[in-house]
């Protein structure tokens, strides 16, 4: 039973350490995307969708 308590305590410490390091890296801008905005203008925009009923051919005309 004491081994289980030790493992739970160690896992909480490891999880807390990873959370602390993640928060520090987010605050320092480690995950900021500086590359995508500069190349976004190189890609074509998606064309607007044409509704299906606008160009429908009917026999009544």
Protein backbone atom coordinates (compact mmCIF):
# COMPACT_ATOMS: atom_id res chain seq x y z
CA UNK A 1 0.00 0.00 0.00
CA UNK A 2 2.88 2.36 0.71
CA UNK A 3 4.22 1.81 -2.82
CA UNK A 4 0.92 3.04 -4.23
CA UNK A 5 1.10 6.24 -2.19
CA UNK A 6 4.69 6.85 -3.32
CA UNK A 7 3.72 6.34 -6.97
CA UNK A 8 0.74 8.69 -6.70
CA UNK A 9 2.87 11.38 -5.08
CA UNK A 10 5.59 10.99 -7.71
CA UNK A 11 3.08 11.13 -10.56
CA UNK A 12 1.53 14.31 -9.15
CA UNK A 13 4.99 15.87 -8.87
CA UNK A 14 5.86 14.91 -12.47
CA UNK A 15 2.51 16.20 -13.77
CA UNK A 16 2.95 19.46 -11.86
CA UNK A 17 6.44 19.88 -13.27
CA UNK A 18 5.21 19.39 -16.84
CA UNK A 19 2.36 21.85 -16.26
CA UNK A 20 4.78 24.42 -14.83
CA UNK A 21 7.17 24.05 -17.77
CA UNK A 22 4.29 24.29 -20.25
CA UNK A 23 3.03 27.53 -18.69
CA UNK A 24 6.54 29.00 -18.76
CA UNK A 25 7.02 28.09 -22.42
CA UNK A 26 3.64 29.59 -23.38
CA UNK A 27 4.48 32.85 -21.61
CA UNK A 28 7.86 33.06 -23.36
CA UNK A 29 6.21 32.66 -26.78
CA UNK A 30 7.52 29.21 -27.60
CA UNK A 31 4.28 28.26 -29.37
CA UNK A 32 3.76 31.52 -31.31
CA UNK A 33 3.41 31.00 -35.04
CA UNK A 34 5.53 33.59 -36.83
CA UNK A 35 5.80 31.75 -40.14
CA UNK A 36 2.19 31.18 -41.24
CA UNK A 37 1.04 34.84 -41.49
CA UNK A 38 3.90 35.65 -43.86
CA UNK A 39 3.01 32.88 -46.33
CA UNK A 40 -0.78 33.07 -45.99
CA UNK A 41 -0.95 35.73 -48.70
CA UNK A 42 0.63 33.33 -51.20
CA UNK A 43 -2.32 30.92 -51.17
CA UNK A 44 -5.45 31.48 -53.24
CA UNK A 45 -8.69 32.21 -51.49
CA UNK A 46 -11.41 29.64 -51.82
CA UNK A 47 -14.04 30.67 -54.40
CA UNK A 48 -17.55 31.45 -53.24
CA UNK A 49 -19.98 28.58 -53.56
CA UNK A 50 -22.65 28.91 -56.27
CA UNK A 51 -26.10 27.86 -55.12
CA UNK A 52 -27.42 24.86 -57.05
CA UNK A 53 -30.80 26.39 -57.88
CA UNK A 54 -29.35 29.43 -59.66
CA UNK A 55 -28.22 27.64 -62.84
CA UNK A 56 -30.82 24.89 -62.97
CA UNK A 57 -32.09 24.03 -66.45
CA UNK A 58 -35.78 23.31 -66.60
CA UNK A 59 -38.05 22.08 -69.39
CA UNK A 60 -40.52 24.96 -68.90
CA UNK A 61 -38.33 27.59 -70.52
